[in-house]
Protein backbone atom coordinates (compact mmCIF):
# COMPACT_ATOMS: atom_id res chain seq x y z
CA MET A 1 0.04 -0.30 -0.10
CA LYS A 2 1.40 3.18 -0.94
CA PRO A 3 1.12 5.64 1.96
CA VAL A 4 -1.56 8.64 1.17
CA PRO A 5 -2.66 10.96 3.57
CA THR A 6 -5.79 9.76 5.67
CA VAL A 7 -7.95 10.24 8.53
CA ILE A 8 -8.50 6.92 10.78
CA ARG A 9 -11.44 6.18 13.08
CA ALA A 10 -10.76 3.62 15.63
CA ALA A 11 -14.51 2.96 15.87
CA ASP A 12 -13.96 1.55 12.06
CA LEU A 13 -11.66 -0.76 12.61
CA ALA A 14 -11.53 -4.55 13.98
CA ALA A 15 -10.49 -5.38 17.55
CA TYR A 16 -8.03 -7.90 18.52
CA ALA A 17 -6.48 -9.38 21.43
CA PRO A 18 -2.86 -8.57 21.58
CA ALA A 19 -0.46 -11.28 22.61
CA ASN A 20 1.26 -11.18 26.17
CA HIS A 21 -2.01 -9.03 27.84
CA THR A 22 -5.35 -10.34 29.86
CA GLY A 23 -8.42 -8.29 29.44
CA THR A 24 -7.01 -6.27 26.11
CA SER A 25 -8.66 -5.22 23.29
CA ASN A 26 -7.03 -3.52 20.81
CA VAL A 27 -7.80 -1.46 17.25
CA ARG A 28 -4.91 -0.90 15.11
CA VAL A 29 -5.61 2.65 13.68
CA ILE A 30 -1.91 3.06 11.87
CA GLY A 31 0.10 0.77 10.33
CA PRO A 32 1.28 -1.16 7.45
CA GLU A 33 -2.05 -2.65 6.67
CA THR A 34 -4.19 0.42 7.60
CA VAL A 35 -2.42 3.43 5.63
CA GLY A 36 0.95 1.88 4.49
CA ALA A 37 2.89 3.04 7.15
CA THR A 38 6.75 1.70 7.37
CA ALA A 39 7.94 4.34 10.58
CA LEU A 40 5.40 4.07 13.05
CA GLU A 41 2.37 2.08 14.33
CA VAL A 42 -0.38 3.80 16.63
CA LEU A 43 -3.40 1.92 18.38
CA VAL A 44 -5.79 2.12 21.22
CA GLY A 45 -6.25 -0.71 23.55
CA THR A 46 -9.33 -0.79 25.94
CA ILE A 47 -8.38 -2.99 29.15
CA VAL A 48 -10.32 -3.71 31.84
CA LYS A 49 -9.63 -3.74 35.59
CA SER A 50 -6.79 -5.56 36.61
CA HIS A 51 -5.77 -6.64 33.52
CA GLY A 52 -3.15 -5.43 31.09
CA ALA A 53 0.57 -6.35 29.72
CA ARG A 54 2.56 -8.95 31.68
CA PRO A 55 6.27 -8.67 31.91
CA HIS A 56 7.97 -8.16 28.64
CA ALA A 57 10.24 -6.00 26.40
CA HIS A 58 11.01 -5.23 22.94
CA PRO A 59 14.55 -5.23 21.88
CA HIS A 60 14.08 -3.09 18.98
CA LEU A 61 11.13 -0.92 19.52
CA GLU A 62 10.40 2.27 21.57
CA GLN A 63 7.04 2.84 23.34
CA CYS A 64 5.02 5.37 24.09
CA ALA A 65 1.72 4.79 25.71
CA TYR A 66 -1.46 7.81 26.75
CA MET A 67 -3.80 7.12 29.39
CA ILE A 68 -6.95 8.62 27.19
CA GLU A 69 -9.71 7.35 30.51
CA GLY A 70 -9.29 5.11 33.35
CA THR A 71 -6.30 4.97 35.68
CA GLY A 72 -3.50 2.77 35.71
CA GLU A 73 -0.30 1.42 36.82
CA SER A 74 2.92 1.10 34.82
CA GLY A 75 6.32 -0.70 35.75
CA ALA A 76 9.45 -0.64 34.75
CA GLU A 77 13.27 -0.71 35.50
CA GLY A 78 11.95 -1.86 39.03
CA ARG A 79 9.46 1.05 39.63
CA VAL A 80 5.73 1.67 39.89
CA GLU A 81 3.97 4.36 38.58
CA ALA A 82 0.52 5.70 38.39
CA MET A 83 -1.14 7.18 35.55
CA GLU A 84 -3.87 9.09 35.14
CA PRO A 85 -5.81 10.51 32.31
CA GLY A 86 -3.91 12.37 30.45
CA THR A 87 -0.11 11.03 31.48
CA TRP A 88 1.99 9.59 28.95
CA ALA A 89 4.41 6.88 29.50
CA TYR A 90 8.03 6.38 27.35
CA VAL A 91 9.77 3.01 27.30
CA PRO A 92 12.83 2.78 25.29
CA ALA A 93 14.10 -0.20 23.35
CA GLY A 94 15.10 -3.14 25.31
CA VAL A 95 13.76 -2.10 28.93
CA PHE A 96 10.99 -4.89 30.66
CA HIS A 97 7.64 -2.98 31.31
CA SER A 98 4.31 -4.27 32.54
CA PHE A 99 1.38 -2.44 32.62
CA ARG A 100 -2.22 -2.98 34.46
CA VAL A 101 -5.75 -0.38 35.00
CA THR A 102 -7.05 0.20 38.33
CA SER A 103 -9.74 1.88 37.77
CA GLU A 104 -13.32 -0.06 37.75
CA GLN A 105 -14.23 1.48 34.36
CA PRO A 106 -12.13 0.13 31.72
CA GLY A 107 -8.95 2.29 30.64
CA ARG A 108 -8.55 3.35 27.08
CA VAL A 109 -4.91 3.62 26.46
CA LEU A 110 -3.30 5.34 23.12
CA VAL A 111 -0.16 3.19 22.30
CA VAL A 112 2.38 4.02 19.74
CA TYR A 113 5.58 1.86 18.59
CA THR A 114 8.43 3.00 16.40
CA PRO A 115 9.05 0.95 14.12
CA PRO A 116 5.82 -0.95 13.83
CA TYR A 117 5.36 -3.66 16.39
CA GLY A 118 2.54 -5.76 14.49
CA GLU A 119 2.19 -8.35 16.85
CA ASN A 120 5.59 -9.57 15.29
CA PRO A 121 6.55 -12.85 18.10
CA ALA A 122 10.62 -11.70 16.86
CA HIS A 123 10.03 -7.91 18.23
CA THR A 124 8.99 -9.32 22.07
CA ILE A 125 10.97 -11.12 24.43
CA THR A 126 9.14 -12.18 27.77
CA GLU A 127 12.51 -13.01 29.45
CA PRO A 128 15.40 -11.21 29.98
CA ASP A 129 18.54 -12.28 27.77
CA GLY A 130 21.42 -10.65 26.20
CA ALA A 131 19.86 -8.76 23.49
CA SER A 132 17.76 -6.66 26.39
CA GLY A 133 18.81 -3.08 27.68
CA THR A 134 18.13 0.31 27.23
CA SER A 135 19.41 2.32 24.16
CA GLY A 136 22.19 4.85 25.65
CA ASP A 137 21.43 7.07 28.58
CA SER A 138 17.59 6.55 28.30
CA LYS A 139 15.08 6.22 30.64
CA VAL A 140 11.24 5.11 31.18
CA ARG A 141 9.67 8.41 31.83
CA VAL A 142 5.82 9.07 33.02
CA LEU A 143 4.74 12.75 32.60
CA ALA A 144 1.56 14.49 32.69
CA VAL A 145 0.84 16.81 29.55
CA GLY A 146 -1.18 20.01 32.45
CA ASP A 147 -2.36 22.76 30.74
CA ALA A 148 0.54 23.47 28.19
CA ALA A 149 0.74 26.91 26.30
CA THR A 150 -0.28 27.42 23.12
CA GLY A 151 1.89 26.10 20.01
CA THR A 152 3.50 22.82 21.09
CA VAL A 153 4.97 21.39 23.77
CA PRO A 154 7.42 18.41 22.86
CA LEU A 155 7.10 15.50 25.19
CA PHE A 156 9.57 12.72 23.56
CA ASP A 157 12.03 13.19 21.48
CA ARG A 158 16.24 12.39 21.30
CA GLU A 159 16.33 15.81 23.61
CA THR A 160 13.96 15.08 26.43
CA VAL A 161 14.60 11.15 26.69
CA GLY A 162 16.98 10.46 23.98
CA ALA A 163 14.85 8.77 21.52
CA ARG A 164 15.93 7.69 18.78
CA TRP A 165 12.72 7.18 15.97
CA VAL A 166 9.79 8.65 17.97
CA ASP A 167 9.21 12.45 18.63
CA ILE A 168 5.80 13.49 20.62
CA ALA A 169 4.45 16.72 21.05
CA ALA A 170 1.37 18.08 22.50
CA LEU A 171 -0.33 20.58 20.53
CA ARG A 172 -2.57 22.86 21.47
CA MET A 173 -4.31 25.55 19.30
CA SER A 174 -6.37 28.82 20.31
CA ALA A 175 -9.92 29.17 18.38
CA GLY A 176 -8.95 30.45 15.03
CA SER A 177 -5.54 29.41 14.87
CA VAL A 178 -3.39 28.02 12.15
CA TYR A 179 -0.40 25.89 12.74
CA ALA A 180 1.75 24.35 9.92
CA CYS A 181 3.38 20.93 10.05
CA CYS A 182 6.87 21.17 9.24
CA THR A 183 7.68 18.68 5.82
CA GLU A 184 9.66 15.48 6.99
CA PRO A 185 11.41 13.74 4.00
CA ASP A 186 12.28 10.91 6.49
CA ALA A 187 9.36 10.89 8.79
CA GLU A 188 5.78 9.81 8.92
CA GLN A 189 3.44 12.08 10.95
CA VAL A 190 0.32 11.40 13.10
CA LEU A 191 -2.13 13.73 14.27
CA TYR A 192 -4.45 12.92 16.78
CA VAL A 193 -7.41 15.29 18.09
CA GLU A 194 -7.94 15.03 21.39
CA ASN A 195 -10.58 17.90 21.50
CA GLY A 196 -12.32 20.70 19.37
CA ARG A 197 -12.32 20.32 15.84
CA ILE A 198 -9.41 20.96 13.34
CA ASP A 199 -9.46 21.51 9.27
CA ALA A 200 -6.16 20.03 7.75
CA CYS A 201 -5.33 20.42 4.35
CA VAL A 202 -2.23 17.88 3.40
CA ASP A 203 -1.12 18.43 0.10
CA GLY A 204 -4.12 20.18 -1.18
CA GLN A 205 -6.34 17.62 -0.04
CA ALA A 206 -9.08 18.78 2.55
CA PHE A 207 -9.87 16.97 5.74
CA SER A 208 -12.00 17.68 9.00
CA LEU A 209 -11.28 16.08 11.94
CA ALA A 210 -13.33 15.52 15.11
CA PRO A 211 -12.21 14.19 18.23
CA GLY A 212 -10.87 10.82 18.64
CA ASP A 213 -9.60 11.16 14.86
CA PHE A 214 -6.17 10.19 13.62
CA LEU A 215 -4.77 12.18 10.59
CA PHE A 216 -1.93 10.25 8.79
CA VAL A 217 0.63 12.31 7.20
CA PRO A 218 3.46 10.45 4.67
CA ARG A 219 7.17 11.33 4.15
CA GLY A 220 7.33 14.71 2.65
CA ALA A 221 3.94 15.73 2.72
CA ALA A 222 3.05 19.22 3.62
CA ALA A 223 0.18 19.91 6.30
CA SER A 224 -1.42 23.14 7.71
CA LEU A 225 -3.99 22.60 10.49
CA ARG A 226 -6.35 25.73 11.38
CA SER A 227 -9.04 25.39 14.78
CA LEU A 228 -12.63 26.25 14.20
CA PRO A 229 -13.55 30.36 15.01
CA GLU A 230 -15.43 29.34 18.06
CA GLN A 231 -13.18 26.97 19.93
CA PRO A 232 -9.77 25.59 20.75
CA ALA A 233 -8.48 22.44 20.34
CA SER A 234 -5.78 20.01 21.23
CA GLY A 235 -4.34 16.89 20.75
CA PHE A 236 -1.02 15.62 19.98
CA LEU A 237 1.82 15.10 16.86
CA VAL A 238 3.75 12.01 16.76
CA LYS A 239 6.56 11.57 14.00
CA GLY A 240 8.26 7.97 13.40
CA ARG A 241 11.60 7.41 11.59
CA VAL A 242 12.46 4.56 9.76
CA PRO A 243 15.99 3.27 11.52
CA SER A 244 19.07 4.01 9.26
CA THR A 245 19.97 0.30 9.40
CA ALA A 246 18.11 -3.03 9.62
CA LEU A 247 16.60 -4.26 12.44
CA PRO A 248 18.81 -7.20 14.49
CA SER A 249 16.93 -10.79 15.09
CA PRO A 250 17.03 -10.54 18.90
CA THR A 251 16.96 -13.85 20.64
CA ILE A 252 13.59 -14.71 21.54
CA GLY A 253 11.94 -16.08 24.61
CA ASP A 254 8.77 -17.44 25.43
CA ASN A 255 6.15 -16.17 24.16
CA SER A 256 3.51 -17.96 24.68
């Protein structure tokens, strides 16, 4: 599939049960099979109380997760941190981590993988081995976005966490404001709209985005965003870059 600008809605896609999880239903929104993405994967997971992801690691993938609804606990590097709605977690390649929902209501989580995961067993290990380890000085981070100023606020990138392939920023637009997404010849971009409505133009093609919508912007495409005159809008800009070298094949643990 040739990547083209596309608006995707999670409600329009089929759900699946991910490996190494319990009580979890995922919808893969952005990936090779939905929009032809090659640099990143974005999914939305719904998890019932006391369930989630068993301890595991992705030796050659970076992972970020955003708590949309409900509450949870993110475990990594010997720490357990609470995740409230509006918080993000970043896990570097090779770091063992786990997650479980703590709220009575099901948790809804936005998850980003760079490069795409696709439930490939070769990209997950469930027992430590020599292939595991952090990338450079990267550490797991959990942070709250809070009331960011108008414009973009970097959350995870090379400078903030030493990320190699992912770049995520909070987008805050005042009513009637315009924002231009920089053309990225080596990166795919995804806009997730959380609040308000945004009109987008990608290489001359117009899109109207509502809360919960995802806009995929292929590499090299020019995009501009405009919030409606009567209300502000907010969301997140996600960028994924293809690794410059082929990913090595890890030593696989028991992935049952």
